[in-house]
Amino acid sequence: TGLIINGTFSEYKILKRAKMENAEYFCAVTNSDTLNIMCSQIAKTHFKVKKITARVKDPLLNEYCRHLDINTISPITAISEYILKTII
């Protein structure tokens, strides 16, 4: 089950309309690493969402997110790990 809201999740009113304060999980998957991190921080600090994942392409920003206690998924890292598993 879930709720789908059409809008830009960097807008506070969209997050309120989505009832973010009741969310169990938040996943930010835009094309912008910084936007994903910023919105994840808002979900975590303002709306107290416990489980958060942000798509982050830049490996250096992945490390930064660890310090913020934000889970990340990185297309570059995932592909690299997959390639290594298939050749080893």
N, C-alpha and C. Protein backbone atom coordinates (compact mmCIF):
# COMPACT_ATOMS: atom_id res chain seq x y z
N THR A 1 0.85 -1.18 0.00
CA THR A 1 0.00 0.00 0.00
C THR A 1 0.89 1.24 0.00
N GLY A 2 0.38 2.30 -0.50
CA GLY A 2 1.15 3.53 -0.54
C GLY A 2 0.29 4.68 -1.03
N LEU A 3 0.87 5.84 -1.00
CA LEU A 3 0.21 7.05 -1.43
C LEU A 3 1.08 7.70 -2.49
N ILE A 4 0.49 8.05 -3.61
CA ILE A 4 1.23 8.70 -4.69
C ILE A 4 0.70 10.11 -4.83
N ILE A 5 1.61 11.07 -4.75
CA ILE A 5 1.28 12.49 -4.91
C ILE A 5 2.11 13.01 -6.07
N ASN A 6 1.47 13.66 -7.01
CA ASN A 6 2.18 14.25 -8.14
C ASN A 6 2.61 15.66 -7.75
N GLY A 7 3.90 15.89 -7.75
CA GLY A 7 4.42 17.21 -7.40
C GLY A 7 5.90 17.15 -7.12
N THR A 8 6.48 18.28 -6.81
CA THR A 8 7.90 18.37 -6.51
C THR A 8 8.09 18.19 -5.01
N PHE A 9 8.78 17.12 -4.63
CA PHE A 9 8.86 16.82 -3.21
C PHE A 9 9.82 17.73 -2.46
N SER A 10 10.43 18.68 -3.17
CA SER A 10 11.24 19.67 -2.47
C SER A 10 10.37 20.80 -1.93
N GLU A 11 9.08 20.80 -2.29
CA GLU A 11 8.15 21.81 -1.78
C GLU A 11 7.49 21.29 -0.51
N TYR A 12 7.59 22.07 0.53
CA TYR A 12 7.07 21.67 1.83
C TYR A 12 5.57 21.34 1.75
N LYS A 13 4.81 22.13 1.00
CA LYS A 13 3.36 21.89 0.94
C LYS A 13 3.04 20.55 0.30
N ILE A 14 3.88 20.09 -0.62
CA ILE A 14 3.69 18.77 -1.23
C ILE A 14 3.94 17.69 -0.19
N LEU A 15 4.97 17.85 0.61
CA LEU A 15 5.26 16.86 1.65
C LEU A 15 4.15 16.81 2.69
N LYS A 16 3.58 17.97 3.03
CA LYS A 16 2.45 18.00 3.96
C LYS A 16 1.23 17.32 3.35
N ARG A 17 0.96 17.60 2.06
CA ARG A 17 -0.18 16.99 1.38
C ARG A 17 -0.02 15.47 1.30
N ALA A 18 1.21 15.04 1.22
CA ALA A 18 1.50 13.61 1.17
C ALA A 18 1.46 12.96 2.56
N LYS A 19 1.16 13.77 3.56
CA LYS A 19 1.09 13.29 4.95
C LYS A 19 2.40 12.64 5.38
N MET A 20 3.48 13.33 5.07
CA MET A 20 4.82 12.81 5.36
C MET A 20 5.02 12.48 6.84
N GLU A 21 4.32 13.18 7.71
CA GLU A 21 4.47 12.90 9.15
C GLU A 21 4.02 11.49 9.51
N ASN A 22 3.25 10.84 8.63
CA ASN A 22 2.80 9.47 8.87
C ASN A 22 3.61 8.43 8.09
N ALA A 23 4.59 8.90 7.35
CA ALA A 23 5.35 7.99 6.48
C ALA A 23 6.25 7.05 7.29
N GLU A 24 6.31 5.82 6.84
CA GLU A 24 7.23 4.85 7.43
C GLU A 24 8.54 4.82 6.66
N TYR A 25 8.49 5.22 5.38
CA TYR A 25 9.66 5.14 4.51
C TYR A 25 9.65 6.30 3.52
N PHE A 26 10.82 6.83 3.23
CA PHE A 26 10.96 7.90 2.24
C PHE A 26 12.12 7.56 1.33
N CYS A 27 11.89 7.66 0.03
CA CYS A 27 12.93 7.37 -0.96
C CYS A 27 13.01 8.52 -1.95
N ALA A 28 14.18 9.14 -2.06
CA ALA A 28 14.39 10.26 -2.97
C ALA A 28 15.21 9.78 -4.16
N VAL A 29 14.63 9.88 -5.36
CA VAL A 29 15.28 9.32 -6.55
C VAL A 29 15.27 10.29 -7.74
N THR A 30 15.47 11.58 -7.49
CA THR A 30 15.54 12.52 -8.60
C THR A 30 16.90 12.38 -9.28
N ASN A 31 17.14 13.15 -10.32
CA ASN A 31 18.45 13.15 -10.99
C ASN A 31 19.49 14.00 -10.27
N SER A 32 19.09 14.65 -9.18
CA SER A 32 19.99 15.54 -8.45
C SER A 32 20.39 14.94 -7.11
N ASP A 33 21.67 14.67 -6.94
CA ASP A 33 22.16 14.15 -5.66
C ASP A 33 21.85 15.10 -4.52
N THR A 34 22.12 16.39 -4.73
CA THR A 34 21.92 17.35 -3.65
C THR A 34 20.45 17.49 -3.27
N LEU A 35 19.57 17.46 -4.25
CA LEU A 35 18.14 17.52 -3.96
C LEU A 35 17.68 16.29 -3.19
N ASN A 36 18.17 15.13 -3.60
CA ASN A 36 17.82 13.89 -2.89
C ASN A 36 18.28 13.93 -1.44
N ILE A 37 19.49 14.43 -1.22
CA ILE A 37 20.02 14.52 0.14
C ILE A 37 19.24 15.55 0.96
N MET A 38 18.98 16.70 0.37
CA MET A 38 18.25 17.75 1.08
C MET A 38 16.86 17.28 1.49
N CYS A 39 16.14 16.68 0.57
CA CYS A 39 14.78 16.21 0.88
C CYS A 39 14.80 15.06 1.88
N SER A 40 15.81 14.23 1.82
CA SER A 40 15.95 13.16 2.79
C SER A 40 16.19 13.72 4.19
N GLN A 41 17.00 14.76 4.26
CA GLN A 41 17.24 15.42 5.55
C GLN A 41 15.96 16.04 6.10
N ILE A 42 15.17 16.66 5.23
CA ILE A 42 13.89 17.24 5.66
C ILE A 42 12.97 16.14 6.18
N ALA A 43 12.89 15.02 5.44
CA ALA A 43 12.05 13.90 5.87
C ALA A 43 12.50 13.37 7.22
N LYS A 44 13.80 13.31 7.42
CA LYS A 44 14.35 12.76 8.66
C LYS A 44 14.19 13.72 9.83
N THR A 45 14.58 14.97 9.65
CA THR A 45 14.61 15.89 10.78
C THR A 45 13.27 16.53 11.07
N HIS A 46 12.54 16.92 10.05
CA HIS A 46 11.28 17.62 10.28
C HIS A 46 10.10 16.67 10.45
N PHE A 47 10.04 15.65 9.59
CA PHE A 47 8.89 14.75 9.62
C PHE A 47 9.16 13.46 10.41
N LYS A 48 10.39 13.29 10.88
CA LYS A 48 10.77 12.15 11.74
C LYS A 48 10.56 10.80 11.07
N VAL A 49 10.78 10.73 9.75
CA VAL A 49 10.69 9.45 9.04
C VAL A 49 11.92 8.62 9.43
N LYS A 50 11.69 7.39 9.81
CA LYS A 50 12.78 6.54 10.32
C LYS A 50 13.62 5.89 9.21
N LYS A 51 12.96 5.43 8.15
CA LYS A 51 13.67 4.73 7.08
C LYS A 51 13.73 5.63 5.85
N ILE A 52 14.95 5.94 5.44
CA ILE A 52 15.15 6.87 4.33
C ILE A 52 16.22 6.33 3.41
N THR A 53 15.98 6.44 2.11
CA THR A 53 16.98 6.09 1.11
C THR A 53 17.04 7.20 0.07
N ALA A 54 18.25 7.57 -0.29
CA ALA A 54 18.45 8.58 -1.33
C ALA A 54 19.33 7.99 -2.43
N ARG A 55 18.93 8.21 -3.67
CA ARG A 55 19.79 7.81 -4.78
C ARG A 55 20.87 8.87 -4.91
N VAL A 56 22.12 8.43 -4.82
CA VAL A 56 23.26 9.34 -4.89
C VAL A 56 24.29 8.76 -5.83
N LYS A 57 24.58 9.48 -6.90
CA LYS A 57 25.53 9.00 -7.90
C LYS A 57 26.98 9.21 -7.49
N ASP A 58 27.27 10.33 -6.85
CA ASP A 58 28.65 10.69 -6.48
C ASP A 58 29.11 9.88 -5.28
N PRO A 59 30.14 9.04 -5.46
CA PRO A 59 30.62 8.21 -4.34
C PRO A 59 31.06 9.02 -3.11
N LEU A 60 31.56 10.22 -3.30
CA LEU A 60 31.96 11.04 -2.16
C LEU A 60 30.73 11.47 -1.35
N LEU A 61 29.64 11.73 -2.03
CA LEU A 61 28.41 12.11 -1.33
C LEU A 61 27.79 10.91 -0.61
N ASN A 62 28.05 9.71 -1.11
CA ASN A 62 27.59 8.51 -0.39
C ASN A 62 28.19 8.48 1.00
N GLU A 63 29.47 8.78 1.10
CA GLU A 63 30.15 8.79 2.40
C GLU A 63 29.56 9.88 3.29
N TYR A 64 29.30 11.03 2.73
CA TYR A 64 28.68 12.14 3.47
C TYR A 64 27.32 11.72 4.05
N CYS A 65 26.54 11.00 3.25
CA CYS A 65 25.22 10.55 3.70
C CYS A 65 25.31 9.57 4.85
N ARG A 66 26.36 8.78 4.89
CA ARG A 66 26.54 7.86 6.01
C ARG A 66 26.62 8.62 7.33
N HIS A 67 27.31 9.76 7.28
CA HIS A 67 27.43 10.58 8.49
C HIS A 67 26.10 11.21 8.88
N LEU A 68 25.20 11.39 7.90
CA LEU A 68 23.87 11.93 8.17
C LEU A 68 22.87 10.85 8.53
N ASP A 69 23.32 9.60 8.52
CA ASP A 69 22.46 8.44 8.78
C ASP A 69 21.35 8.32 7.74
N ILE A 70 21.73 8.53 6.48
CA ILE A 70 20.82 8.37 5.34
C ILE A 70 21.33 7.21 4.50
N ASN A 71 20.51 6.21 4.28
CA ASN A 71 20.87 5.10 3.40
C ASN A 71 20.93 5.62 1.97
N THR A 72 21.85 5.09 1.20
CA THR A 72 21.96 5.50 -0.20
C THR A 72 21.96 4.30 -1.12
N ILE A 73 21.54 4.55 -2.32
CA ILE A 73 21.67 3.60 -3.42
C ILE A 73 22.39 4.35 -4.53
N SER A 74 23.45 3.76 -5.03
CA SER A 74 24.26 4.41 -6.05
C SER A 74 24.31 3.55 -7.30
N PRO A 75 23.80 4.07 -8.42
CA PRO A 75 23.86 3.30 -9.66
C PRO A 75 25.30 2.92 -10.04
N ILE A 76 26.22 3.82 -9.83
CA ILE A 76 27.63 3.56 -10.18
C ILE A 76 28.19 2.45 -9.32
N THR A 77 27.97 2.52 -8.03
CA THR A 77 28.46 1.49 -7.12
C THR A 77 27.79 0.15 -7.39
N ALA A 78 26.49 0.16 -7.61
CA ALA A 78 25.76 -1.09 -7.87
C ALA A 78 26.27 -1.77 -9.14
N ILE A 79 26.48 -0.99 -10.18
CA ILE A 79 26.99 -1.56 -11.44
C ILE A 79 28.40 -2.09 -11.24
N SER A 80 29.25 -1.32 -10.56
CA SER A 80 30.63 -1.74 -10.32
C SER A 80 30.68 -3.05 -9.53
N GLU A 81 29.85 -3.15 -8.49
CA GLU A 81 29.81 -4.37 -7.70
C GLU A 81 29.32 -5.56 -8.52
N TYR A 82 28.33 -5.31 -9.35
CA TYR A 82 27.82 -6.38 -10.21
C TYR A 82 28.90 -6.87 -11.18
N ILE A 83 29.60 -5.96 -11.79
CA ILE A 83 30.67 -6.33 -12.73
C ILE A 83 31.74 -7.13 -12.01
N LEU A 84 32.15 -6.68 -10.84
CA LEU A 84 33.18 -7.41 -10.09
C LEU A 84 32.72 -8.82 -9.74
N LYS A 85 31.47 -8.99 -9.38
CA LYS A 85 30.95 -10.32 -9.04
C LYS A 85 30.95 -11.24 -10.26
N THR A 86 30.69 -10.68 -11.44
CA THR A 86 30.61 -11.53 -12.63
C THR A 86 31.97 -11.91 -13.18
N ILE A 87 33.01 -11.14 -12.86
CA ILE A 87 34.34 -11.48 -13.41
C ILE A 87 35.22 -12.23 -12.41
N ILE A 88 34.80 -12.27 -11.15
CA ILE A 88 35.62 -12.96 -10.14
C ILE A 88 35.17 -14.39 -9.99
